[in-house]
Amino acid sequence: MSKIATGEQAEKLVLEYALDASPEKVWRAISIPAFRERWLPGAELADAEPVSTTAGEEASYRIREPEPPFLESIVTFQVRSDTAGGTILRVVHGLADKRLASRPPAANSNTWLMRAA
């Protein structure tokens, strides 16, 4: 299950997943680099720079695009248990690049995700 949030976090992509694994297992998969590499092989998050961590609950990583304009973003994983003994994994991906702060708003009222031509 996934969904994209709107409103309060319009400039961020927010996805939520209901997982059958325990919160502890999901936490290990996102917080230990060797496990993250197995879960996301070859992905930018495999060698991501840690930004902040609240053990067992939330981990944020800074990533940089591999190609120009090399934009930076922050990906945050939030882990919480669900009522069935599984886990709700929330992934919040937002651009953190300071170069974007000076961009004018999009003509079509969208944020950085879609701009009018």
C-alpha atoms as a PDB file:
ATOM      1  CA  MET A   1       0.000   0.000   0.000  1.00  0.00           C
ATOM      2  CA  SER A   2       1.363   3.418  -0.849  1.00  0.00           C
ATOM      3  CA  LYS A   3       0.034   6.921  -1.053  1.00  0.00           C
ATOM      4  CA  ILE A   4       1.254  10.394  -1.826  1.00  0.00           C
ATOM      5  CA  ALA A   5       0.493  13.105   0.712  1.00  0.00           C
ATOM      6  CA  THR A   6      -0.692  16.536  -0.279  1.00  0.00           C
ATOM      7  CA  GLY A   7      -1.356  19.712   1.619  1.00  0.00           C
ATOM      8  CA  GLU A   8       1.002  20.050   4.571  1.00  0.00           C
ATOM      9  CA  GLN A   9       3.922  18.502   2.691  1.00  0.00           C
ATOM     10  CA  ALA A  10       3.201  19.624  -0.859  1.00  0.00           C
ATOM     11  CA  GLU A  11       6.917  20.030  -1.639  1.00  0.00           C
ATOM     12  CA  LYS A  12       7.775  16.512  -0.506  1.00  0.00           C
ATOM     13  CA  LEU A  13       6.970  13.114  -1.870  1.00  0.00           C
ATOM     14  CA  VAL A  14       5.481  11.009   0.938  1.00  0.00           C
ATOM     15  CA  LEU A  15       4.922   7.268   0.577  1.00  0.00           C
ATOM     16  CA  GLU A  16       3.591   4.828   3.174  1.00  0.00           C
ATOM     17  CA  TYR A  17       3.912   1.076   3.088  1.00  0.00           C
ATOM     18  CA  ALA A  18       2.303  -1.582   5.286  1.00  0.00           C
ATOM     19  CA  LEU A  19       4.891  -4.342   5.790  1.00  0.00           C
ATOM     20  CA  ASP A  20       4.514  -7.816   7.337  1.00  0.00           C
ATOM     21  CA  ALA A  21       7.924  -7.554   9.042  1.00  0.00           C
ATOM     22  CA  SER A  22       8.433  -6.389  12.628  1.00  0.00           C
ATOM     23  CA  PRO A  23       9.471  -2.756  13.243  1.00  0.00           C
ATOM     24  CA  GLU A  24      12.834  -3.999  14.544  1.00  0.00           C
ATOM     25  CA  LYS A  25      13.551  -5.878  11.314  1.00  0.00           C
ATOM     26  CA  VAL A  26      12.525  -2.908   9.150  1.00  0.00           C
ATOM     27  CA  TRP A  27      14.658  -0.593  11.299  1.00  0.00           C
ATOM     28  CA  ARG A  28      17.718  -2.800  10.754  1.00  0.00           C
ATOM     29  CA  ALA A  29      17.057  -2.807   6.991  1.00  0.00           C
ATOM     30  CA  ILE A  30      17.104   0.994   6.796  1.00  0.00           C
ATOM     31  CA  SER A  31      19.704   1.854   9.434  1.00  0.00           C
ATOM     32  CA  ILE A  32      22.543  -0.632   8.863  1.00  0.00           C
ATOM     33  CA  PRO A  33      24.461   0.196   5.654  1.00  0.00           C
ATOM     34  CA  ALA A  34      25.160  -3.454   4.724  1.00  0.00           C
ATOM     35  CA  PHE A  35      21.467  -4.335   5.039  1.00  0.00           C
ATOM     36  CA  ARG A  36      20.402  -1.168   3.214  1.00  0.00           C
ATOM     37  CA  GLU A  37      22.700  -2.125   0.320  1.00  0.00           C
ATOM     38  CA  ARG A  38      21.024  -5.569   0.116  1.00  0.00           C
ATOM     39  CA  TRP A  39      17.576  -3.977   0.228  1.00  0.00           C
ATOM     40  CA  LEU A  40      18.422  -1.170  -2.215  1.00  0.00           C
ATOM     41  CA  PRO A  41      21.288  -2.591  -4.320  1.00  0.00           C
ATOM     42  CA  GLY A  42      23.022   0.014  -6.440  1.00  0.00           C
ATOM     43  CA  ALA A  43      20.667   2.735  -5.259  1.00  0.00           C
ATOM     44  CA  GLU A  44      21.810   6.191  -4.179  1.00  0.00           C
ATOM     45  CA  LEU A  45      20.777   5.363  -0.614  1.00  0.00           C
ATOM     46  CA  ALA A  46      23.260   2.515  -0.392  1.00  0.00           C
ATOM     47  CA  ASP A  47      26.065   4.980   0.473  1.00  0.00           C
ATOM     48  CA  ALA A  48      23.934   7.866   1.687  1.00  0.00           C
ATOM     49  CA  GLU A  49      25.237  10.376   4.227  1.00  0.00           C
ATOM     50  CA  PRO A  50      23.374  10.062   7.556  1.00  0.00           C
ATOM     51  CA  VAL A  51      21.812  13.347   8.671  1.00  0.00           C
ATOM     52  CA  SER A  52      19.867  12.423  11.814  1.00  0.00           C
ATOM     53  CA  THR A  53      18.570   9.365  13.615  1.00  0.00           C
ATOM     54  CA  THR A  54      16.072   8.654  16.356  1.00  0.00           C
ATOM     55  CA  ALA A  55      16.873   5.019  17.120  1.00  0.00           C
ATOM     56  CA  GLY A  56      14.104   2.635  16.151  1.00  0.00           C
ATOM     57  CA  GLU A  57      11.859   5.407  14.827  1.00  0.00           C
ATOM     58  CA  GLU A  58      13.388   7.650  12.170  1.00  0.00           C
ATOM     59  CA  ALA A  59      16.511   7.933  10.028  1.00  0.00           C
ATOM     60  CA  SER A  60      17.308  10.715   7.556  1.00  0.00           C
ATOM     61  CA  TYR A  61      19.909  10.562   4.798  1.00  0.00           C
ATOM     62  CA  ARG A  62      21.317  13.162   2.413  1.00  0.00           C
ATOM     63  CA  ILE A  63      21.672  12.027  -1.187  1.00  0.00           C
ATOM     64  CA  ARG A  64      23.047  13.782  -4.254  1.00  0.00           C
ATOM     65  CA  GLU A  65      21.996  13.119  -7.819  1.00  0.00           C
ATOM     66  CA  PRO A  66      24.773  11.415  -9.792  1.00  0.00           C
ATOM     67  CA  GLU A  67      24.282  13.702 -12.831  1.00  0.00           C
ATOM     68  CA  PRO A  68      24.088  17.492 -13.325  1.00  0.00           C
ATOM     69  CA  PRO A  69      22.718  19.609 -11.800  1.00  0.00           C
ATOM     70  CA  PHE A  70      23.654  17.324  -8.823  1.00  0.00           C
ATOM     71  CA  LEU A  71      20.657  18.328  -6.696  1.00  0.00           C
ATOM     72  CA  GLU A  72      20.701  17.291  -3.046  1.00  0.00           C
ATOM     73  CA  SER A  73      17.739  15.862  -1.223  1.00  0.00           C
ATOM     74  CA  ILE A  74      16.881  14.397   2.150  1.00  0.00           C
ATOM     75  CA  VAL A  75      15.180  11.011   2.413  1.00  0.00           C
ATOM     76  CA  THR A  76      13.630  10.215   5.788  1.00  0.00           C
ATOM     77  CA  PHE A  77      12.414   6.773   6.828  1.00  0.00           C
ATOM     78  CA  GLN A  78       9.872   6.667   9.660  1.00  0.00           C
ATOM     79  CA  VAL A  79       9.080   3.313  11.272  1.00  0.00           C
ATOM     80  CA  ARG A  80       6.100   2.548  13.497  1.00  0.00           C
ATOM     81  CA  SER A  81       4.253  -0.609  14.435  1.00  0.00           C
ATOM     82  CA  ASP A  82       0.766  -1.329  13.183  1.00  0.00           C
ATOM     83  CA  THR A  83      -2.060  -3.038  15.050  1.00  0.00           C
ATOM     84  CA  ALA A  84      -1.383  -6.439  13.425  1.00  0.00           C
ATOM     85  CA  GLY A  85       2.244  -6.717  14.582  1.00  0.00           C
ATOM     86  CA  GLY A  86       3.673  -5.467  11.295  1.00  0.00           C
ATOM     87  CA  THR A  87       5.181  -2.138  10.384  1.00  0.00           C
ATOM     88  CA  ILE A  88       4.132   1.087   8.726  1.00  0.00           C
ATOM     89  CA  LEU A  89       7.118   2.472   6.834  1.00  0.00           C
ATOM     90  CA  ARG A  90       6.785   6.110   5.828  1.00  0.00           C
ATOM     91  CA  VAL A  91       9.299   7.465   3.309  1.00  0.00           C
ATOM     92  CA  VAL A  92       9.552  11.248   2.950  1.00  0.00           C
ATOM     93  CA  HIS A  93      11.686  12.537   0.064  1.00  0.00           C
ATOM     94  CA  GLY A  94      12.225  16.264  -0.202  1.00  0.00           C
ATOM     95  CA  LEU A  95      14.667  18.394  -2.129  1.00  0.00           C
ATOM     96  CA  ALA A  96      17.080  20.165   0.206  1.00  0.00           C
ATOM     97  CA  ASP A  97      19.169  21.940  -2.396  1.00  0.00           C
ATOM     98  CA  LYS A  98      19.520  25.652  -1.573  1.00  0.00           C
ATOM     99  CA  ARG A  99      19.671  26.495  -5.282  1.00  0.00           C
ATOM    100  CA  LEU A 100      15.945  25.732  -5.518  1.00  0.00           C
ATOM    101  CA  ALA A 101      14.948  28.372  -2.968  1.00  0.00           C
ATOM    102  CA  SER A 102      15.297  31.141  -5.557  1.00  0.00           C
ATOM    103  CA  ARG A 103      13.059  29.492  -8.148  1.00  0.00           C
ATOM    104  CA  PRO A 104       9.771  31.291  -8.837  1.00  0.00           C
ATOM    105  CA  PRO A 105       6.546  29.393  -8.174  1.00  0.00           C
ATOM    106  CA  ALA A 106       5.256  27.251 -11.023  1.00  0.00           C
ATOM    107  CA  ALA A 107       2.613  28.817 -13.255  1.00  0.00           C
ATOM    108  CA  ASN A 108       0.442  25.710 -12.888  1.00  0.00           C
ATOM    109  CA  SER A 109       0.459  25.866  -9.035  1.00  0.00           C
ATOM    110  CA  ASN A 110       2.569  22.730  -8.762  1.00  0.00           C
ATOM    111  CA  THR A 111       5.801  22.748  -6.808  1.00  0.00           C
ATOM    112  CA  TRP A 112       9.221  21.636  -8.053  1.00  0.00           C
ATOM    113  CA  LEU A 113       7.763  18.305  -9.166  1.00  0.00           C
ATOM    114  CA  MET A 114       6.134  19.803 -12.269  1.00  0.00           C
ATOM    115  CA  ARG A 115       6.744  23.178 -13.838  1.00  0.00           C
ATOM    116  CA  ALA A 116       4.891  24.804 -16.702  1.00  0.00           C
ATOM    117  CA  ALA A 117       6.864  25.041 -19.942  1.00  0.00           C
END
